[in-house]
Amino acid sequence: MTTARRRPRRTALRCTTCGREILRGEEYWACNGRLACGECFLDLARGELAPCREICGREARP
């Protein structure tokens, strides 16, 4: 009797912003424990870079 070896099943990756499944071969971004699909990338980037945000004419002064 032969035993077939099966690969362990991977759990599906999901975008933490919209909840959409990220399919095999599809690009995504992982940052600080969050996953973002292509459609949610800008939201992730804005959130992560919010502390670096400046408004012209209102820059922080030393």
N, C-alpha and C. Protein backbone atom coordinates (compact mmCIF):
# COMPACT_ATOMS: atom_id res chain seq x y z
N MET A 1 0.84 -1.17 0.00
CA MET A 1 0.00 0.00 0.00
C MET A 1 0.89 1.24 0.00
N THR A 2 0.64 2.15 -0.90
CA THR A 2 1.42 3.38 -0.96
C THR A 2 0.63 4.52 -0.34
N THR A 3 1.37 5.39 0.24
CA THR A 3 0.73 6.55 0.87
C THR A 3 1.03 7.79 0.04
N ALA A 4 -0.01 8.46 -0.37
CA ALA A 4 0.17 9.69 -1.15
C ALA A 4 0.45 10.84 -0.20
N ARG A 5 1.47 11.59 -0.53
CA ARG A 5 1.79 12.76 0.29
C ARG A 5 1.02 13.95 -0.24
N ARG A 6 0.39 14.61 0.64
CA ARG A 6 -0.37 15.80 0.27
C ARG A 6 0.30 17.03 0.84
N ARG A 7 0.27 18.07 0.06
CA ARG A 7 0.79 19.33 0.55
C ARG A 7 -0.19 19.91 1.56
N PRO A 8 0.32 20.50 2.61
CA PRO A 8 -0.60 21.13 3.56
C PRO A 8 -1.34 22.28 2.88
N ARG A 9 -2.60 22.39 3.16
CA ARG A 9 -3.41 23.46 2.58
C ARG A 9 -3.03 24.79 3.18
N ARG A 10 -2.86 25.76 2.32
CA ARG A 10 -2.59 27.11 2.80
C ARG A 10 -3.91 27.83 3.01
N THR A 11 -3.92 28.65 4.02
CA THR A 11 -5.11 29.46 4.21
C THR A 11 -5.07 30.61 3.21
N ALA A 12 -6.21 31.03 2.77
CA ALA A 12 -6.29 32.09 1.78
C ALA A 12 -5.81 33.41 2.37
N LEU A 13 -5.08 34.16 1.57
CA LEU A 13 -4.69 35.51 2.00
C LEU A 13 -5.84 36.43 1.70
N ARG A 14 -6.10 37.36 2.61
CA ARG A 14 -7.18 38.32 2.41
C ARG A 14 -6.67 39.72 2.69
N CYS A 15 -7.13 40.65 1.89
CA CYS A 15 -6.80 42.06 2.08
C CYS A 15 -7.44 42.49 3.41
N THR A 16 -6.67 43.11 4.27
CA THR A 16 -7.21 43.52 5.57
C THR A 16 -8.05 44.78 5.46
N THR A 17 -8.02 45.46 4.31
CA THR A 17 -8.85 46.65 4.13
C THR A 17 -10.22 46.30 3.59
N CYS A 18 -10.28 45.55 2.48
CA CYS A 18 -11.57 45.25 1.85
C CYS A 18 -12.04 43.82 2.05
N GLY A 19 -11.14 42.93 2.49
CA GLY A 19 -11.52 41.54 2.74
C GLY A 19 -11.48 40.64 1.52
N ARG A 20 -11.12 41.16 0.37
CA ARG A 20 -11.07 40.37 -0.85
C ARG A 20 -9.94 39.37 -0.78
N GLU A 21 -10.16 38.17 -1.32
CA GLU A 21 -9.12 37.14 -1.34
C GLU A 21 -8.02 37.53 -2.32
N ILE A 22 -6.78 37.34 -1.92
CA ILE A 22 -5.64 37.61 -2.78
C ILE A 22 -5.25 36.27 -3.41
N LEU A 23 -5.38 36.18 -4.72
CA LEU A 23 -5.19 34.93 -5.43
C LEU A 23 -3.72 34.64 -5.72
N ARG A 24 -3.42 33.38 -5.92
CA ARG A 24 -2.05 32.95 -6.24
C ARG A 24 -1.58 33.69 -7.50
N GLY A 25 -0.37 34.24 -7.45
CA GLY A 25 0.20 34.96 -8.57
C GLY A 25 -0.16 36.44 -8.61
N GLU A 26 -1.03 36.86 -7.72
CA GLU A 26 -1.47 38.26 -7.67
C GLU A 26 -0.57 39.03 -6.70
N GLU A 27 -0.21 40.25 -7.07
CA GLU A 27 0.64 41.04 -6.17
C GLU A 27 -0.18 41.62 -5.03
N TYR A 28 0.51 41.79 -3.90
CA TYR A 28 -0.10 42.42 -2.73
C TYR A 28 1.02 43.04 -1.92
N TRP A 29 0.65 43.86 -0.97
CA TRP A 29 1.64 44.54 -0.12
C TRP A 29 1.37 44.16 1.32
N ALA A 30 2.45 43.91 2.06
CA ALA A 30 2.38 43.57 3.49
C ALA A 30 3.16 44.63 4.25
N CYS A 31 2.51 45.26 5.21
CA CYS A 31 3.15 46.32 5.96
C CYS A 31 2.55 46.37 7.36
N ASN A 32 3.41 46.22 8.37
CA ASN A 32 2.97 46.30 9.78
C ASN A 32 1.79 45.38 10.09
N GLY A 33 1.86 44.17 9.57
CA GLY A 33 0.82 43.19 9.86
C GLY A 33 -0.44 43.32 9.03
N ARG A 34 -0.47 44.26 8.12
CA ARG A 34 -1.64 44.45 7.25
C ARG A 34 -1.29 43.99 5.84
N LEU A 35 -2.27 43.44 5.14
CA LEU A 35 -2.12 43.03 3.75
C LEU A 35 -3.03 43.90 2.91
N ALA A 36 -2.54 44.33 1.76
CA ALA A 36 -3.35 45.17 0.87
C ALA A 36 -3.31 44.63 -0.55
N CYS A 37 -4.48 44.51 -1.15
CA CYS A 37 -4.56 44.13 -2.56
C CYS A 37 -4.22 45.37 -3.40
N GLY A 38 -4.12 45.22 -4.70
CA GLY A 38 -3.78 46.33 -5.56
C GLY A 38 -4.75 47.49 -5.47
N GLU A 39 -6.03 47.19 -5.29
CA GLU A 39 -7.03 48.25 -5.22
C GLU A 39 -6.95 49.03 -3.91
N CYS A 40 -6.45 48.43 -2.86
CA CYS A 40 -6.39 49.09 -1.55
C CYS A 40 -5.00 49.62 -1.22
N PHE A 41 -4.06 49.47 -2.14
CA PHE A 41 -2.69 49.89 -1.89
C PHE A 41 -2.61 51.36 -1.49
N LEU A 42 -3.31 52.23 -2.20
CA LEU A 42 -3.23 53.67 -1.88
C LEU A 42 -3.74 53.97 -0.47
N ASP A 43 -4.80 53.29 -0.06
CA ASP A 43 -5.31 53.49 1.30
C ASP A 43 -4.26 53.06 2.34
N LEU A 44 -3.60 51.93 2.09
CA LEU A 44 -2.56 51.45 3.00
C LEU A 44 -1.41 52.45 3.04
N ALA A 45 -0.97 52.91 1.88
CA ALA A 45 0.15 53.85 1.82
C ALA A 45 -0.19 55.15 2.52
N ARG A 46 -1.39 55.67 2.30
CA ARG A 46 -1.79 56.92 2.96
C ARG A 46 -1.80 56.76 4.48
N GLY A 47 -2.31 55.64 4.94
CA GLY A 47 -2.36 55.41 6.38
C GLY A 47 -0.98 55.28 7.00
N GLU A 48 -0.10 54.55 6.33
CA GLU A 48 1.25 54.34 6.86
C GLU A 48 2.09 55.61 6.79
N LEU A 49 1.86 56.43 5.79
CA LEU A 49 2.66 57.63 5.62
C LEU A 49 2.01 58.88 6.22
N ALA A 50 0.89 58.73 6.87
CA ALA A 50 0.19 59.87 7.47
C ALA A 50 1.08 60.70 8.40
N PRO A 51 1.94 60.08 9.22
CA PRO A 51 2.80 60.90 10.09
C PRO A 51 3.80 61.78 9.32
N CYS A 52 4.03 61.46 8.06
CA CYS A 52 4.98 62.22 7.24
C CYS A 52 4.29 63.32 6.43
N ARG A 53 2.99 63.42 6.55
CA ARG A 53 2.21 64.36 5.74
C ARG A 53 2.51 65.80 6.13
N GLU A 54 2.68 66.63 5.13
CA GLU A 54 2.91 68.07 5.32
C GLU A 54 1.96 68.83 4.42
N ILE A 55 1.67 70.06 4.75
CA ILE A 55 0.89 70.95 3.92
C ILE A 55 1.78 72.14 3.60
N CYS A 56 1.91 72.45 2.32
CA CYS A 56 2.80 73.53 1.90
C CYS A 56 2.37 74.84 2.56
N GLY A 57 3.32 75.49 3.20
CA GLY A 57 3.04 76.72 3.91
C GLY A 57 2.76 76.50 5.39
N ARG A 58 2.54 75.25 5.79
CA ARG A 58 2.26 74.93 7.19
C ARG A 58 3.25 73.91 7.73
N GLU A 59 4.45 73.88 7.18
CA GLU A 59 5.46 72.93 7.61
C GLU A 59 5.77 73.12 9.09
N ALA A 60 6.12 72.02 9.73
CA ALA A 60 6.50 72.09 11.14
C ALA A 60 7.76 72.94 11.27
N ARG A 61 7.76 73.84 12.22
CA ARG A 61 8.91 74.73 12.42
C ARG A 61 9.70 74.30 13.65
N PRO A 62 11.03 74.32 13.51
CA PRO A 62 11.86 73.89 14.65
C PRO A 62 11.81 74.81 15.84
